[in-house]
Amino acid sequence: EVGRGMRVEETGQGRERVGPVLVMRDTTERPEGVDAGVVRLVGTDRGRIVAEATASLRTGGTATPRPNPYGDGHASERIVQVLLDHAPA
């Protein structure tokens, strides 16, 4: 499940862990996620990927959920409403 631009996991003990999405690339065409702290570029080096994933799992989800820089997921609903409001009768 994804909540507000953060990775959300349910543990076997019924606890939630929240943390940034780890992107296994050196660059991204969507830097707003990195700037907002909801995405972490970890590169393609296997050692770094393992280290970052391990560190993320060890924190137990101490990251605070942040607003999603990509929007709230309701853009299409607003577009439809604008079209309906301006459609000829």
C-alpha atoms as a PDB file:
ATOM      1  CA  GLU A   1       0.000   0.000   0.000  1.00  0.00           C
ATOM      2  CA  VAL A   2       1.230   3.505  -0.733  1.00  0.00           C
ATOM      3  CA  GLY A   3       0.340   6.373   1.520  1.00  0.00           C
ATOM      4  CA  ARG A   4       1.077  10.028   0.768  1.00  0.00           C
ATOM      5  CA  GLY A   5       4.121   9.292  -1.371  1.00  0.00           C
ATOM      6  CA  MET A   6       5.750   6.948   1.112  1.00  0.00           C
ATOM      7  CA  ARG A   7       6.283   3.217   1.080  1.00  0.00           C
ATOM      8  CA  VAL A   8       3.967   1.646   3.663  1.00  0.00           C
ATOM      9  CA  GLU A   9       4.412  -1.952   4.766  1.00  0.00           C
ATOM     10  CA  GLU A  10       2.382  -4.014   7.165  1.00  0.00           C
ATOM     11  CA  THR A  11       4.594  -6.231   9.298  1.00  0.00           C
ATOM     12  CA  GLY A  12       3.656  -9.706  10.454  1.00  0.00           C
ATOM     13  CA  GLN A  13       3.034  -8.299  13.924  1.00  0.00           C
ATOM     14  CA  GLY A  14       0.398  -5.858  12.689  1.00  0.00           C
ATOM     15  CA  ARG A  15       2.700  -2.837  12.841  1.00  0.00           C
ATOM     16  CA  GLU A  16       3.177  -0.371  10.001  1.00  0.00           C
ATOM     17  CA  ARG A  17       6.546   0.744   8.646  1.00  0.00           C
ATOM     18  CA  VAL A  18       6.782   3.874   6.550  1.00  0.00           C
ATOM     19  CA  GLY A  19       9.787   4.979   4.585  1.00  0.00           C
ATOM     20  CA  PRO A  20      10.937   6.466   1.311  1.00  0.00           C
ATOM     21  CA  VAL A  21      10.831   4.476  -1.903  1.00  0.00           C
ATOM     22  CA  LEU A  22      14.318   3.247  -2.826  1.00  0.00           C
ATOM     23  CA  VAL A  23      14.993   3.795  -6.536  1.00  0.00           C
ATOM     24  CA  MET A  24      17.769   1.680  -8.005  1.00  0.00           C
ATOM     25  CA  ARG A  25      19.021   4.226 -10.521  1.00  0.00           C
ATOM     26  CA  ASP A  26      21.703   6.904 -10.543  1.00  0.00           C
ATOM     27  CA  THR A  27      19.426   9.621 -11.908  1.00  0.00           C
ATOM     28  CA  THR A  28      15.732  10.322 -12.178  1.00  0.00           C
ATOM     29  CA  GLU A  29      13.578  12.414 -14.455  1.00  0.00           C
ATOM     30  CA  ARG A  30      11.288  13.011 -11.432  1.00  0.00           C
ATOM     31  CA  PRO A  31      13.521  14.861  -8.931  1.00  0.00           C
ATOM     32  CA  GLU A  32      10.546  16.267  -7.014  1.00  0.00           C
ATOM     33  CA  GLY A  33      10.243  12.957  -5.150  1.00  0.00           C
ATOM     34  CA  VAL A  34      13.880  13.129  -4.084  1.00  0.00           C
ATOM     35  CA  ASP A  35      13.499  16.801  -3.115  1.00  0.00           C
ATOM     36  CA  ALA A  36      10.398  15.979  -1.050  1.00  0.00           C
ATOM     37  CA  GLY A  37      12.143  13.109   0.720  1.00  0.00           C
ATOM     38  CA  VAL A  38       9.730  10.425  -0.482  1.00  0.00           C
ATOM     39  CA  VAL A  39      12.226   8.878  -2.923  1.00  0.00           C
ATOM     40  CA  ARG A  40      15.856   7.961  -2.307  1.00  0.00           C
ATOM     41  CA  LEU A  41      18.156   7.284  -5.265  1.00  0.00           C
ATOM     42  CA  VAL A  42      20.410   4.409  -4.237  1.00  0.00           C
ATOM     43  CA  GLY A  43      22.193   3.812  -7.527  1.00  0.00           C
ATOM     44  CA  THR A  44      22.935   0.480  -9.152  1.00  0.00           C
ATOM     45  CA  ASP A  45      25.787  -0.758  -6.991  1.00  0.00           C
ATOM     46  CA  ARG A  46      24.683  -4.011  -5.348  1.00  0.00           C
ATOM     47  CA  GLY A  47      26.473  -3.234  -2.078  1.00  0.00           C
ATOM     48  CA  ARG A  48      24.849   0.163  -1.761  1.00  0.00           C
ATOM     49  CA  ILE A  49      21.406  -1.222  -2.629  1.00  0.00           C
ATOM     50  CA  VAL A  50      21.723  -3.877   0.068  1.00  0.00           C
ATOM     51  CA  ALA A  51      23.054  -1.341   2.590  1.00  0.00           C
ATOM     52  CA  GLU A  52      20.258   1.174   1.908  1.00  0.00           C
ATOM     53  CA  ALA A  53      17.536  -1.491   1.988  1.00  0.00           C
ATOM     54  CA  THR A  54      18.942  -2.951   5.205  1.00  0.00           C
ATOM     55  CA  ALA A  55      19.142   0.486   6.812  1.00  0.00           C
ATOM     56  CA  SER A  56      15.585   1.247   5.739  1.00  0.00           C
ATOM     57  CA  LEU A  57      14.320  -1.996   7.241  1.00  0.00           C
ATOM     58  CA  ARG A  58      16.271  -1.492  10.472  1.00  0.00           C
ATOM     59  CA  THR A  59      14.775   1.938  11.140  1.00  0.00           C
ATOM     60  CA  GLY A  60      11.416   0.300  11.616  1.00  0.00           C
ATOM     61  CA  GLY A  61       9.642   3.019   9.706  1.00  0.00           C
ATOM     62  CA  THR A  62      10.641   6.119  11.576  1.00  0.00           C
ATOM     63  CA  ALA A  63      10.099   8.339   8.536  1.00  0.00           C
ATOM     64  CA  THR A  64       7.274  10.841   8.838  1.00  0.00           C
ATOM     65  CA  PRO A  65       4.724  10.701   6.004  1.00  0.00           C
ATOM     66  CA  ARG A  66       4.990  13.769   3.771  1.00  0.00           C
ATOM     67  CA  PRO A  67       2.676  15.282   1.177  1.00  0.00           C
ATOM     68  CA  ASN A  68       2.906  13.532  -2.172  1.00  0.00           C
ATOM     69  CA  PRO A  69       4.753  15.833  -4.615  1.00  0.00           C
ATOM     70  CA  TYR A  70       2.957  14.174  -7.528  1.00  0.00           C
ATOM     71  CA  GLY A  71      -0.513  15.283  -6.442  1.00  0.00           C
ATOM     72  CA  ASP A  72      -3.380  13.829  -4.468  1.00  0.00           C
ATOM     73  CA  GLY A  73      -4.608  11.272  -7.015  1.00  0.00           C
ATOM     74  CA  HIS A  74      -7.817  13.143  -7.790  1.00  0.00           C
ATOM     75  CA  ALA A  75      -6.798  15.152 -10.871  1.00  0.00           C
ATOM     76  CA  SER A  76      -8.937  13.111 -13.271  1.00  0.00           C
ATOM     77  CA  GLU A  77     -12.023  13.672 -11.121  1.00  0.00           C
ATOM     78  CA  ARG A  78     -11.436  17.435 -11.190  1.00  0.00           C
ATOM     79  CA  ILE A  79     -10.873  17.380 -14.976  1.00  0.00           C
ATOM     80  CA  VAL A  80     -14.128  15.483 -15.538  1.00  0.00           C
ATOM     81  CA  GLN A  81     -15.992  17.977 -13.373  1.00  0.00           C
ATOM     82  CA  VAL A  82     -14.571  20.943 -15.336  1.00  0.00           C
ATOM     83  CA  LEU A  83     -15.577  19.280 -18.612  1.00  0.00           C
ATOM     84  CA  LEU A  84     -19.094  18.586 -17.321  1.00  0.00           C
ATOM     85  CA  ASP A  85     -19.440  22.141 -16.007  1.00  0.00           C
ATOM     86  CA  HIS A  86     -18.475  23.600 -19.399  1.00  0.00           C
ATOM     87  CA  ALA A  87     -20.148  21.091 -21.729  1.00  0.00           C
ATOM     88  CA  PRO A  88     -22.921  22.415 -23.969  1.00  0.00           C
ATOM     89  CA  ALA A  89     -26.400  21.511 -22.734  1.00  0.00           C
END
